[in-house]
C-alpha cells in the first residue's frame, strides 16, 4: 500500500510504538501539528543523517498537546506507529508550509524469540550497571520488544537507523545481540583498568616467583 503523508524530518530515529515528546516552534510544523490534530491523522518522521533525508521513518500520532505558548509554539506527546519507506518527496504542497512524501509500508514482523529477549535484557542491565543507569521500562521483560530497548542500548544514530530498516523482530534481536557482544567487553576492560588504577598505592599480597 502507498499513500501521501506530511513529513517532519528530524535528526532522530523514532521507532514504532515509541513515545516521543517534541517542542514545536517552526511555523511549517505548527501548521502540520494543528492539522494533524484537527484531522486525527498521523504524520511521518523520516530520519535525517549527515544533512541528508533518509528513506525510512515512522508514522506518528499526536497523543496530546501538553502546552501551547503565546507565540504558538507547542509541547506535544507523540506515539510512533507504522514503519514507512519514502518513494517520492513532495517538497511543495499548495497552501502548505510543510513538505510531504509518497510512502510505502514494509511488512513488519513483531514476533521475536522470548529466550533471546531474556538474554538481551540481561546484557542491557549489565551495560546499565557499568554506566550506573537505572531504567524502568514499565513492562515485564516478556512484553518488551527491541523497539522498547533500542534507544537505551548505546547505539549510535547510524546503528539505530540500521535497526529501523530491519523488518523482522528476530533480525532486530540478532542485531542487538551482536551489538552487546561487541560493546560489553569494552566496558569490562574499562572496569579492569579502573580497578587496577585504584589499587595503586595499596599493600599487595603477592606470591614470589620460584626460580628453578
N, C-alpha and C. Protein backbone atom coordinates (compact mmCIF):
# COMPACT_ATOMS: atom_id res chain seq x y z
N UNK A 1 0.84 -1.19 0.00
CA UNK A 1 0.00 0.00 0.00
C UNK A 1 0.87 1.24 0.00
N UNK A 2 0.50 2.23 -0.78
CA UNK A 2 1.21 3.51 -0.78
C UNK A 2 0.21 4.63 -0.53
N UNK A 3 0.68 5.70 0.07
CA UNK A 3 -0.15 6.89 0.20
C UNK A 3 0.70 8.11 0.48
N UNK A 4 0.06 9.27 0.53
CA UNK A 4 0.74 10.52 0.80
C UNK A 4 0.66 10.85 2.28
N UNK A 5 1.77 11.31 2.86
CA UNK A 5 1.77 11.77 4.25
C UNK A 5 2.56 13.07 4.37
N UNK A 6 2.16 13.96 5.26
CA UNK A 6 3.02 15.10 5.59
C UNK A 6 4.24 14.59 6.34
N UNK A 7 5.37 15.24 6.18
CA UNK A 7 6.57 14.76 6.86
C UNK A 7 7.22 15.86 7.70
N UNK A 8 7.84 15.42 8.77
CA UNK A 8 8.54 16.27 9.72
C UNK A 8 9.93 15.66 9.89
N UNK A 9 10.87 15.92 8.96
CA UNK A 9 12.20 15.29 9.04
C UNK A 9 12.97 15.76 10.28
N UNK A 10 13.57 14.82 10.99
CA UNK A 10 14.33 15.14 12.19
C UNK A 10 15.59 14.28 12.27
N UNK A 11 16.57 14.78 12.98
CA UNK A 11 17.83 14.04 13.14
C UNK A 11 17.73 13.07 14.32
N UNK A 12 16.65 12.33 14.35
CA UNK A 12 16.45 11.29 15.36
C UNK A 12 15.80 10.09 14.68
N UNK A 13 15.95 8.94 15.31
CA UNK A 13 15.24 7.74 14.86
C UNK A 13 14.07 7.52 15.80
N UNK A 14 12.87 7.50 15.25
CA UNK A 14 11.67 7.19 16.02
C UNK A 14 11.24 5.78 15.67
N UNK A 15 11.17 4.92 16.66
CA UNK A 15 10.77 3.53 16.41
C UNK A 15 9.26 3.38 16.55
N UNK A 16 8.68 2.44 15.80
CA UNK A 16 7.27 2.13 16.00
C UNK A 16 6.99 1.83 17.48
N UNK A 17 5.86 2.34 17.97
CA UNK A 17 5.39 2.15 19.36
C UNK A 17 6.08 3.08 20.35
N UNK A 18 7.10 3.81 19.92
CA UNK A 18 7.84 4.66 20.85
C UNK A 18 7.10 5.97 21.12
N UNK A 19 7.15 6.43 22.37
CA UNK A 19 6.62 7.75 22.69
C UNK A 19 7.73 8.78 22.58
N UNK A 20 7.43 9.88 21.88
CA UNK A 20 8.42 10.94 21.69
C UNK A 20 7.77 12.28 22.03
N UNK A 21 8.45 13.05 22.87
CA UNK A 21 7.98 14.38 23.23
C UNK A 21 8.73 15.42 22.38
N UNK A 22 7.98 16.34 21.78
CA UNK A 22 8.57 17.32 20.87
C UNK A 22 8.15 18.74 21.25
N UNK A 23 9.06 19.67 21.05
CA UNK A 23 8.72 21.09 21.15
C UNK A 23 8.62 21.64 19.73
N UNK A 24 7.47 22.16 19.38
CA UNK A 24 7.21 22.64 18.02
C UNK A 24 7.31 24.16 17.99
N UNK A 25 8.22 24.66 17.15
CA UNK A 25 8.42 26.12 17.12
C UNK A 25 8.45 26.70 15.71
N UNK A 26 8.74 25.89 14.68
CA UNK A 26 8.78 26.41 13.32
C UNK A 26 7.35 26.55 12.78
N UNK A 27 7.05 27.64 12.05
CA UNK A 27 5.69 27.85 11.52
C UNK A 27 5.18 26.69 10.68
N UNK A 28 6.03 26.10 9.86
CA UNK A 28 5.56 25.00 9.00
C UNK A 28 5.11 23.80 9.81
N UNK A 29 5.79 23.54 10.94
CA UNK A 29 5.41 22.38 11.73
C UNK A 29 4.32 22.70 12.74
N UNK A 30 4.17 23.96 13.09
CA UNK A 30 2.98 24.35 13.84
C UNK A 30 1.74 24.04 13.00
N UNK A 31 1.80 24.42 11.71
CA UNK A 31 0.67 24.14 10.81
C UNK A 31 0.43 22.65 10.68
N UNK A 32 1.50 21.89 10.54
CA UNK A 32 1.38 20.44 10.39
C UNK A 32 0.71 19.82 11.61
N UNK A 33 1.14 20.21 12.80
CA UNK A 33 0.59 19.62 14.03
C UNK A 33 -0.87 20.01 14.23
N UNK A 34 -1.19 21.27 13.99
CA UNK A 34 -2.58 21.72 14.15
C UNK A 34 -3.49 20.93 13.21
N UNK A 35 -3.07 20.73 11.97
CA UNK A 35 -3.89 19.98 11.01
C UNK A 35 -3.95 18.50 11.38
N UNK A 36 -2.84 17.96 11.85
CA UNK A 36 -2.80 16.55 12.23
C UNK A 36 -3.78 16.27 13.37
N UNK A 37 -3.81 17.17 14.34
CA UNK A 37 -4.72 17.00 15.49
C UNK A 37 -6.17 17.19 15.05
N UNK A 38 -6.43 18.23 14.25
CA UNK A 38 -7.80 18.52 13.81
C UNK A 38 -8.38 17.38 12.98
N UNK A 39 -7.53 16.79 12.13
CA UNK A 39 -7.99 15.72 11.23
C UNK A 39 -7.78 14.33 11.81
N UNK A 40 -7.14 14.27 12.98
CA UNK A 40 -6.83 12.99 13.63
C UNK A 40 -6.08 12.06 12.68
N UNK A 41 -5.09 12.62 12.02
CA UNK A 41 -4.28 11.86 11.07
C UNK A 41 -2.81 11.92 11.48
N UNK A 42 -2.05 10.88 11.15
CA UNK A 42 -0.63 10.87 11.52
C UNK A 42 0.21 11.67 10.53
N UNK A 43 1.44 11.89 10.92
CA UNK A 43 2.45 12.44 10.01
C UNK A 43 3.69 11.57 10.14
N UNK A 44 4.63 11.77 9.24
CA UNK A 44 5.82 10.94 9.24
C UNK A 44 7.05 11.66 9.75
N UNK A 45 7.88 10.95 10.49
CA UNK A 45 9.19 11.47 10.88
C UNK A 45 10.26 10.61 10.22
N UNK A 46 10.72 11.04 9.04
CA UNK A 46 11.85 10.35 8.41
C UNK A 46 13.15 10.81 9.05
N UNK A 47 14.16 9.97 8.98
CA UNK A 47 15.44 10.25 9.63
C UNK A 47 16.31 11.14 8.76
N UNK A 48 16.96 12.12 9.40
CA UNK A 48 17.96 12.95 8.74
C UNK A 48 19.32 12.60 9.33
N UNK A 49 20.26 12.22 8.46
CA UNK A 49 21.62 11.93 8.91
C UNK A 49 22.60 12.60 7.96
N UNK A 50 23.62 13.22 8.52
CA UNK A 50 24.63 13.91 7.71
C UNK A 50 23.99 14.90 6.74
N UNK A 51 22.97 15.61 7.24
CA UNK A 51 22.26 16.62 6.44
C UNK A 51 21.60 16.04 5.20
N UNK A 52 21.23 14.78 5.26
CA UNK A 52 20.58 14.12 4.13
C UNK A 52 19.34 13.38 4.61
N UNK A 53 18.24 13.57 3.89
CA UNK A 53 17.00 12.88 4.22
C UNK A 53 17.10 11.41 3.83
N UNK A 54 16.86 10.54 4.80
CA UNK A 54 16.93 9.10 4.55
C UNK A 54 15.56 8.56 4.12
N UNK A 55 15.55 7.34 3.65
CA UNK A 55 14.32 6.76 3.09
C UNK A 55 13.33 6.28 4.15
N UNK A 56 13.85 5.82 5.30
CA UNK A 56 12.98 5.17 6.28
C UNK A 56 12.61 6.12 7.43
N UNK A 57 11.44 5.86 7.98
CA UNK A 57 10.98 6.62 9.14
C UNK A 57 9.76 5.93 9.73
N UNK A 58 9.15 6.59 10.69
CA UNK A 58 7.96 6.05 11.35
C UNK A 58 6.82 7.05 11.30
N UNK A 59 5.61 6.54 11.08
CA UNK A 59 4.43 7.36 11.27
C UNK A 59 4.27 7.66 12.74
N UNK A 60 3.78 8.84 13.06
CA UNK A 60 3.50 9.16 14.46
C UNK A 60 2.13 9.83 14.57
N UNK A 61 1.47 9.58 15.67
CA UNK A 61 0.20 10.23 16.01
C UNK A 61 0.44 11.17 17.18
N UNK A 62 -0.23 12.31 17.16
CA UNK A 62 -0.18 13.22 18.29
C UNK A 62 -1.11 12.68 19.37
N UNK A 63 -0.55 12.36 20.53
CA UNK A 63 -1.36 11.86 21.64
C UNK A 63 -1.91 13.00 22.50
N UNK A 64 -1.11 14.06 22.60
CA UNK A 64 -1.54 15.16 23.47
C UNK A 64 -0.75 16.42 23.15
N UNK A 65 -1.44 17.56 23.12
CA UNK A 65 -0.77 18.85 23.13
C UNK A 65 -0.67 19.26 24.59
N UNK A 66 0.52 19.17 25.13
CA UNK A 66 0.71 19.39 26.57
C UNK A 66 0.59 20.86 26.91
N UNK A 67 1.16 21.71 26.06
CA UNK A 67 1.12 23.15 26.33
C UNK A 67 1.22 23.92 25.02
N UNK A 68 0.45 25.00 24.93
CA UNK A 68 0.55 25.93 23.81
C UNK A 68 0.97 27.29 24.35
N UNK A 69 2.01 27.85 23.75
CA UNK A 69 2.55 29.13 24.22
C UNK A 69 1.92 30.29 23.46
N UNK A 70 2.13 31.50 23.98
CA UNK A 70 1.53 32.69 23.38
C UNK A 70 1.97 32.90 21.93
N UNK A 71 3.18 32.50 21.62
CA UNK A 71 3.69 32.67 20.25
C UNK A 71 3.31 31.51 19.33
N UNK A 72 2.48 30.59 19.83
CA UNK A 72 2.02 29.47 19.01
C UNK A 72 2.88 28.22 19.10
N UNK A 73 4.01 28.33 19.78
CA UNK A 73 4.83 27.14 19.97
C UNK A 73 4.10 26.13 20.85
N UNK A 74 4.45 24.85 20.70
CA UNK A 74 3.73 23.79 21.40
C UNK A 74 4.68 22.74 21.95
N UNK A 75 4.30 22.16 23.07
CA UNK A 75 4.91 20.94 23.57
C UNK A 75 3.90 19.82 23.34
N UNK A 76 4.34 18.77 22.62
CA UNK A 76 3.40 17.70 22.29
C UNK A 76 3.99 16.33 22.64
N UNK A 77 3.08 15.40 22.88
CA UNK A 77 3.45 13.99 23.05
C UNK A 77 2.98 13.22 21.83
N UNK A 78 3.87 12.43 21.26
CA UNK A 78 3.51 11.64 20.08
C UNK A 78 3.80 10.17 20.34
N UNK A 79 3.20 9.34 19.51
CA UNK A 79 3.41 7.89 19.61
C UNK A 79 3.72 7.33 18.22
N UNK A 80 4.85 6.61 18.11
CA UNK A 80 5.22 6.00 16.85
C UNK A 80 4.24 4.92 16.44
N UNK A 81 4.03 4.80 15.14
CA UNK A 81 3.11 3.79 14.61
C UNK A 81 3.85 2.94 13.56
N UNK A 82 3.36 2.94 12.34
CA UNK A 82 3.93 2.06 11.32
C UNK A 82 5.27 2.55 10.78
N UNK A 83 6.07 1.59 10.35
CA UNK A 83 7.31 1.88 9.63
C UNK A 83 6.97 2.22 8.19
N UNK A 84 7.63 3.25 7.63
CA UNK A 84 7.40 3.58 6.22
C UNK A 84 8.72 3.77 5.49
N UNK A 85 8.62 3.71 4.15
CA UNK A 85 9.76 4.00 3.29
C UNK A 85 9.33 5.03 2.25
N UNK A 86 10.13 6.06 2.10
CA UNK A 86 9.80 7.13 1.15
C UNK A 86 10.06 6.67 -0.28
N UNK A 87 9.05 6.85 -1.13
CA UNK A 87 9.19 6.57 -2.55
C UNK A 87 9.44 7.86 -3.33
N UNK A 88 8.83 8.95 -2.89
CA UNK A 88 9.00 10.24 -3.56
C UNK A 88 8.71 11.37 -2.58
N UNK A 89 9.59 12.36 -2.56
CA UNK A 89 9.38 13.53 -1.72
C UNK A 89 8.61 14.59 -2.49
N UNK A 90 7.56 15.12 -1.88
CA UNK A 90 6.78 16.22 -2.47
C UNK A 90 7.16 17.48 -1.68
N UNK A 91 8.09 18.24 -2.22
CA UNK A 91 8.64 19.38 -1.47
C UNK A 91 7.63 20.51 -1.32
N UNK A 92 6.92 20.85 -2.40
CA UNK A 92 5.98 21.98 -2.37
C UNK A 92 4.55 21.46 -2.48
N UNK A 93 3.74 21.80 -1.48
CA UNK A 93 2.33 21.41 -1.44
C UNK A 93 1.50 22.70 -1.42
N UNK A 94 0.52 22.83 -2.31
CA UNK A 94 -0.29 24.06 -2.35
C UNK A 94 -0.89 24.41 -0.99
N UNK A 95 -0.70 25.65 -0.57
CA UNK A 95 -1.26 26.21 0.67
C UNK A 95 -0.69 25.58 1.94
N UNK A 96 0.41 24.84 1.80
CA UNK A 96 1.04 24.23 2.98
C UNK A 96 2.47 24.74 3.11
N UNK A 97 2.88 24.92 4.35
CA UNK A 97 4.26 25.34 4.60
C UNK A 97 5.20 24.15 4.68
N UNK A 98 4.65 22.99 5.01
CA UNK A 98 5.46 21.79 5.17
C UNK A 98 5.51 20.97 3.89
N UNK A 99 6.40 19.99 3.87
CA UNK A 99 6.52 19.08 2.72
C UNK A 99 5.84 17.75 3.03
N UNK A 100 5.81 16.90 2.02
CA UNK A 100 5.19 15.58 2.19
C UNK A 100 5.94 14.53 1.40
N UNK A 101 5.40 13.34 1.40
CA UNK A 101 6.05 12.25 0.67
C UNK A 101 5.03 11.17 0.32
N UNK A 102 5.30 10.51 -0.79
CA UNK A 102 4.59 9.28 -1.14
C UNK A 102 5.38 8.15 -0.51
N UNK A 103 4.71 7.34 0.30
CA UNK A 103 5.42 6.30 1.04
C UNK A 103 4.76 4.94 0.86
N UNK A 104 5.55 3.91 1.13
CA UNK A 104 5.03 2.55 1.22
C UNK A 104 5.28 2.04 2.62
N UNK A 105 4.59 0.97 2.98
CA UNK A 105 4.68 0.43 4.34
C UNK A 105 5.18 -1.02 4.28
N UNK A 106 6.48 -1.23 4.54
CA UNK A 106 7.01 -2.60 4.51
C UNK A 106 6.32 -3.47 5.56
N UNK A 107 6.12 -4.72 5.23
CA UNK A 107 5.57 -5.65 6.21
C UNK A 107 6.56 -5.79 7.36
N UNK A 108 6.10 -5.59 8.57
CA UNK A 108 6.99 -5.55 9.73
C UNK A 108 6.55 -6.60 10.74
N UNK A 109 7.34 -7.66 10.87
CA UNK A 109 7.02 -8.77 11.77
C UNK A 109 7.50 -8.43 13.18
N UNK A 110 6.59 -8.44 14.14
CA UNK A 110 6.91 -8.06 15.51
C UNK A 110 7.12 -9.26 16.43
N UNK A 111 7.09 -10.47 15.87
CA UNK A 111 7.21 -11.68 16.68
C UNK A 111 8.67 -12.07 16.85
N UNK A 112 9.17 -12.01 18.08
CA UNK A 112 10.56 -12.37 18.34
C UNK A 112 10.67 -13.66 19.12
N UNK A 113 11.88 -13.91 19.61
CA UNK A 113 12.17 -15.11 20.39
C UNK A 113 12.28 -14.71 21.86
N UNK A 114 11.42 -15.28 22.70
CA UNK A 114 11.36 -14.89 24.11
C UNK A 114 12.67 -15.17 24.84
N UNK A 115 13.31 -16.29 24.54
CA UNK A 115 14.57 -16.65 25.21
C UNK A 115 15.67 -15.65 24.86
N UNK A 116 15.74 -15.25 23.59
CA UNK A 116 16.76 -14.28 23.17
C UNK A 116 16.49 -12.92 23.80
N UNK A 117 15.20 -12.57 23.93
CA UNK A 117 14.87 -11.30 24.55
C UNK A 117 15.32 -11.27 26.01
N UNK A 118 15.20 -12.41 26.70
CA UNK A 118 15.69 -12.50 28.08
C UNK A 118 17.20 -12.26 28.13
N UNK A 119 17.91 -12.84 27.16
CA UNK A 119 19.36 -12.66 27.10
C UNK A 119 19.72 -11.20 26.82
N UNK A 120 18.96 -10.57 25.94
CA UNK A 120 19.21 -9.16 25.62
C UNK A 120 18.99 -8.29 26.85
N UNK A 121 17.94 -8.58 27.62
CA UNK A 121 17.66 -7.78 28.80
C UNK A 121 18.76 -7.97 29.86
N UNK A 122 19.29 -9.18 29.96
CA UNK A 122 20.38 -9.42 30.91
C UNK A 122 21.62 -8.61 30.50
N UNK A 123 21.90 -8.58 29.20
CA UNK A 123 23.04 -7.82 28.71
C UNK A 123 22.82 -6.31 28.86
N UNK A 124 21.59 -5.88 28.62
CA UNK A 124 21.27 -4.46 28.75
C UNK A 124 21.45 -4.01 30.20
N UNK A 125 20.97 -4.80 31.14
CA UNK A 125 21.10 -4.44 32.55
C UNK A 125 22.57 -4.47 32.98
N UNK A 126 23.31 -5.37 32.38
CA UNK A 126 24.76 -5.42 32.65
C UNK A 126 25.42 -4.12 32.18
N UNK A 127 25.06 -3.67 30.99
CA UNK A 127 25.58 -2.42 30.45
C UNK A 127 25.18 -1.25 31.34
N UNK A 128 23.92 -1.23 31.77
CA UNK A 128 23.44 -0.14 32.60
C UNK A 128 24.14 -0.10 33.97
N UNK A 129 24.52 -1.27 34.49
CA UNK A 129 25.27 -1.29 35.75
C UNK A 129 26.64 -0.63 35.56
N UNK A 130 27.29 -0.93 34.44
CA UNK A 130 28.57 -0.29 34.15
C UNK A 130 28.41 1.23 34.04
N UNK A 131 27.29 1.66 33.45
CA UNK A 131 27.04 3.08 33.24
C UNK A 131 26.38 3.75 34.44
N UNK A 132 26.04 2.93 35.44
CA UNK A 132 25.34 3.43 36.65
C UNK A 132 24.02 4.10 36.26
N UNK A 133 23.29 3.40 35.39
CA UNK A 133 21.99 3.87 34.90
C UNK A 133 20.90 2.94 35.43
N UNK A 134 19.80 3.52 35.85
CA UNK A 134 18.63 2.73 36.25
C UNK A 134 17.48 3.10 35.31
N UNK A 135 16.94 2.10 34.64
CA UNK A 135 15.86 2.34 33.68
C UNK A 135 14.69 1.42 33.98
N UNK A 136 13.53 2.03 34.18
CA UNK A 136 12.30 1.28 34.40
C UNK A 136 11.49 1.30 33.10
N UNK A 137 11.34 0.15 32.46
CA UNK A 137 10.61 0.08 31.20
C UNK A 137 9.10 -0.02 31.39
N UNK A 138 8.67 -0.17 32.63
CA UNK A 138 7.24 -0.22 32.96
C UNK A 138 6.51 -1.36 32.23
N UNK A 139 7.27 -2.38 31.88
CA UNK A 139 6.72 -3.60 31.27
C UNK A 139 7.49 -4.78 31.82
N UNK A 140 6.88 -5.95 31.82
CA UNK A 140 7.63 -7.16 32.15
C UNK A 140 8.56 -7.48 30.98
N UNK A 141 9.64 -8.19 31.26
CA UNK A 141 10.62 -8.48 30.22
C UNK A 141 10.02 -9.19 29.02
N UNK A 142 9.06 -10.11 29.28
CA UNK A 142 8.50 -10.88 28.17
C UNK A 142 7.52 -10.05 27.33
N UNK A 143 7.21 -8.84 27.78
CA UNK A 143 6.34 -7.96 27.00
C UNK A 143 7.14 -6.93 26.20
N UNK A 144 8.46 -6.90 26.42
CA UNK A 144 9.30 -5.91 25.74
C UNK A 144 9.69 -6.38 24.35
N UNK A 145 9.96 -5.41 23.48
CA UNK A 145 10.47 -5.69 22.13
C UNK A 145 11.77 -4.92 21.95
N UNK A 146 12.45 -5.19 20.85
CA UNK A 146 13.69 -4.46 20.56
C UNK A 146 13.43 -2.97 20.41
N UNK A 147 12.24 -2.60 19.94
CA UNK A 147 11.90 -1.19 19.83
C UNK A 147 11.89 -0.50 21.20
N UNK A 148 11.50 -1.25 22.24
CA UNK A 148 11.43 -0.68 23.58
C UNK A 148 12.81 -0.37 24.14
N UNK A 149 13.80 -1.16 23.77
CA UNK A 149 15.11 -1.04 24.42
C UNK A 149 16.19 -0.44 23.52
N UNK A 150 15.90 -0.24 22.24
CA UNK A 150 16.94 0.18 21.30
C UNK A 150 17.62 1.47 21.71
N UNK A 151 16.83 2.48 22.11
CA UNK A 151 17.42 3.78 22.47
C UNK A 151 18.23 3.72 23.76
N UNK A 152 18.12 2.63 24.50
CA UNK A 152 18.81 2.52 25.79
C UNK A 152 19.96 1.53 25.73
N UNK A 153 20.38 1.18 24.50
CA UNK A 153 21.37 0.12 24.32
C UNK A 153 22.74 0.63 23.87
N UNK A 154 22.91 1.96 23.84
CA UNK A 154 24.21 2.51 23.46
C UNK A 154 24.49 2.52 21.97
N UNK A 155 23.43 2.51 21.16
CA UNK A 155 23.59 2.56 19.71
C UNK A 155 23.84 3.99 19.25
N UNK A 156 24.63 4.15 18.19
CA UNK A 156 24.74 5.45 17.54
C UNK A 156 23.51 5.67 16.67
N UNK A 157 23.31 6.89 16.17
CA UNK A 157 22.16 7.14 15.31
C UNK A 157 22.26 6.31 14.03
N UNK A 158 23.47 6.04 13.57
CA UNK A 158 23.64 5.23 12.36
C UNK A 158 23.21 3.79 12.64
N UNK A 159 23.55 3.29 13.81
CA UNK A 159 23.14 1.93 14.18
C UNK A 159 21.64 1.86 14.42
N UNK A 160 21.08 2.90 15.04
CA UNK A 160 19.63 2.93 15.23
C UNK A 160 18.91 2.92 13.88
N UNK A 161 19.47 3.63 12.91
CA UNK A 161 18.83 3.65 11.59
C UNK A 161 18.95 2.28 10.91
N UNK A 162 20.08 1.61 11.09
CA UNK A 162 20.21 0.25 10.55
C UNK A 162 19.15 -0.66 11.17
N UNK A 163 18.97 -0.52 12.47
CA UNK A 163 17.96 -1.33 13.16
C UNK A 163 16.56 -1.03 12.64
N UNK A 164 16.29 0.26 12.39
CA UNK A 164 14.97 0.67 11.90
C UNK A 164 14.64 0.00 10.57
N UNK A 165 15.64 -0.24 9.74
CA UNK A 165 15.41 -0.80 8.42
C UNK A 165 15.15 -2.30 8.45
N UNK A 166 15.41 -2.95 9.58
CA UNK A 166 15.15 -4.39 9.70
C UNK A 166 13.67 -4.61 9.96
N UNK A 167 13.06 -5.46 9.19
CA UNK A 167 11.59 -5.61 9.23
C UNK A 167 11.12 -6.92 9.86
N UNK A 168 11.99 -7.55 10.65
CA UNK A 168 11.58 -8.75 11.40
C UNK A 168 12.19 -8.65 12.79
N UNK A 169 11.41 -8.94 13.82
CA UNK A 169 11.87 -8.82 15.19
C UNK A 169 13.08 -9.72 15.47
N UNK A 170 13.11 -10.90 14.87
CA UNK A 170 14.25 -11.78 15.08
C UNK A 170 15.53 -11.16 14.51
N UNK A 171 15.42 -10.47 13.38
CA UNK A 171 16.59 -9.78 12.84
C UNK A 171 17.06 -8.68 13.79
N UNK A 172 16.10 -7.95 14.34
CA UNK A 172 16.45 -6.88 15.27
C UNK A 172 17.07 -7.43 16.56
N UNK A 173 16.54 -8.56 17.03
CA UNK A 173 17.12 -9.19 18.21
C UNK A 173 18.57 -9.60 17.95
N UNK A 174 18.81 -10.19 16.79
CA UNK A 174 20.16 -10.62 16.45
C UNK A 174 21.10 -9.43 16.32
N UNK A 175 20.59 -8.33 15.80
CA UNK A 175 21.40 -7.11 15.67
C UNK A 175 21.83 -6.61 17.05
N UNK A 176 20.89 -6.54 17.99
CA UNK A 176 21.23 -6.09 19.33
C UNK A 176 22.13 -7.09 20.06
N UNK A 177 21.93 -8.36 19.81
CA UNK A 177 22.78 -9.39 20.41
C UNK A 177 24.24 -9.18 20.00
N UNK A 178 24.47 -8.97 18.69
CA UNK A 178 25.83 -8.73 18.21
C UNK A 178 26.38 -7.41 18.77
N UNK A 179 25.51 -6.42 18.91
CA UNK A 179 25.94 -5.13 19.46
C UNK A 179 26.43 -5.30 20.90
N UNK A 180 25.68 -6.01 21.73
CA UNK A 180 26.09 -6.21 23.11
C UNK A 180 27.37 -7.05 23.20
N UNK A 181 27.49 -8.04 22.32
CA UNK A 181 28.70 -8.87 22.31
C UNK A 181 29.93 -8.03 21.98
N UNK A 182 29.74 -6.95 21.25
CA UNK A 182 30.85 -6.06 20.88
C UNK A 182 31.14 -5.04 21.96
N UNK A 183 30.08 -4.49 22.57
CA UNK A 183 30.28 -3.35 23.47
C UNK A 183 30.52 -3.74 24.92
N UNK A 184 29.94 -4.83 25.40
CA UNK A 184 30.10 -5.22 26.80
C UNK A 184 31.57 -5.48 27.16
N UNK A 185 32.34 -6.21 26.33
CA UNK A 185 33.75 -6.43 26.68
C UNK A 185 34.55 -5.13 26.81
N UNK A 186 34.16 -4.09 26.08
CA UNK A 186 34.84 -2.80 26.19
C UNK A 186 34.67 -2.24 27.60
N UNK A 187 33.46 -2.33 28.13
CA UNK A 187 33.20 -1.82 29.48
C UNK A 187 33.86 -2.71 30.53
N UNK A 188 33.93 -4.02 30.27
CA UNK A 188 34.61 -4.91 31.20
C UNK A 188 36.09 -4.54 31.32
N UNK A 189 36.72 -4.23 30.19
CA UNK A 189 38.13 -3.83 30.21
C UNK A 189 38.30 -2.50 30.94
N UNK A 190 37.32 -1.60 30.77
CA UNK A 190 37.38 -0.33 31.48
C UNK A 190 37.29 -0.55 32.98
N UNK A 191 36.44 -1.49 33.39
CA UNK A 191 36.31 -1.79 34.82
C UNK A 191 37.61 -2.38 35.36
N UNK A 192 38.25 -3.25 34.58
CA UNK A 192 39.52 -3.83 34.99
C UNK A 192 40.58 -2.75 35.14
N UNK A 193 40.62 -1.82 34.17
CA UNK A 193 41.58 -0.72 34.22
C UNK A 193 41.32 0.18 35.43
N UNK A 194 40.04 0.44 35.68
CA UNK A 194 39.66 1.27 36.83
C UNK A 194 40.12 0.62 38.13
N UNK A 195 39.90 -0.70 38.25
CA UNK A 195 40.31 -1.42 39.46
C UNK A 195 41.82 -1.40 39.61
N UNK A 196 42.53 -1.51 38.48
CA UNK A 196 44.00 -1.51 38.51
C UNK A 196 44.52 -0.16 38.98
N UNK A 197 43.93 0.91 38.45
CA UNK A 197 44.36 2.26 38.84
C UNK A 197 44.08 2.51 40.31
N UNK A 198 42.91 2.08 40.77
CA UNK A 198 42.54 2.30 42.17
C UNK A 198 43.40 1.50 43.14
N UNK A 199 43.99 0.40 42.64
CA UNK A 199 44.80 -0.45 43.52
C UNK A 199 46.19 0.12 43.74
N UNK A 200 46.62 1.07 42.94
CA UNK A 200 47.95 1.66 43.09
C UNK A 200 48.09 2.31 44.47
N UNK A 201 49.19 1.98 45.16
CA UNK A 201 49.41 2.54 46.49
C UNK A 201 48.95 1.63 47.60
N UNK A 202 48.17 0.60 47.26
CA UNK A 202 47.71 -0.35 48.28
C UNK A 202 48.82 -1.37 48.54
N UNK A 203 48.86 -1.95 49.75
CA UNK A 203 49.78 -3.03 50.04
C UNK A 203 49.32 -4.28 49.31
N UNK A 204 50.22 -4.87 48.54
CA UNK A 204 49.86 -6.02 47.70
C UNK A 204 50.33 -7.31 48.35
N UNK A 205 49.47 -8.28 48.38
CA UNK A 205 49.80 -9.60 48.92
C UNK A 205 50.04 -10.53 47.75
N UNK A 206 51.30 -10.58 47.29
CA UNK A 206 51.64 -11.33 46.10
C UNK A 206 52.63 -12.42 46.42
N UNK A 207 52.48 -13.55 45.78
CA UNK A 207 53.44 -14.66 45.96
C UNK A 207 54.65 -14.41 45.08
N UNK A 208 55.84 -14.72 45.61
CA UNK A 208 57.07 -14.59 44.81
C UNK A 208 57.19 -15.72 43.82
N UNK A 209 57.99 -15.49 42.81
CA UNK A 209 58.21 -16.49 41.76
C UNK A 209 59.40 -17.35 42.13
N UNK A 210 59.22 -18.66 42.10
CA UNK A 210 60.31 -19.60 42.41
C UNK A 210 61.15 -19.84 41.16
N UNK A 211 62.40 -19.44 41.21
CA UNK A 211 63.32 -19.67 40.08
C UNK A 211 63.85 -21.08 40.17
N UNK A 212 63.70 -21.82 39.10
CA UNK A 212 64.15 -23.22 39.08
C UNK A 212 65.42 -23.35 38.28
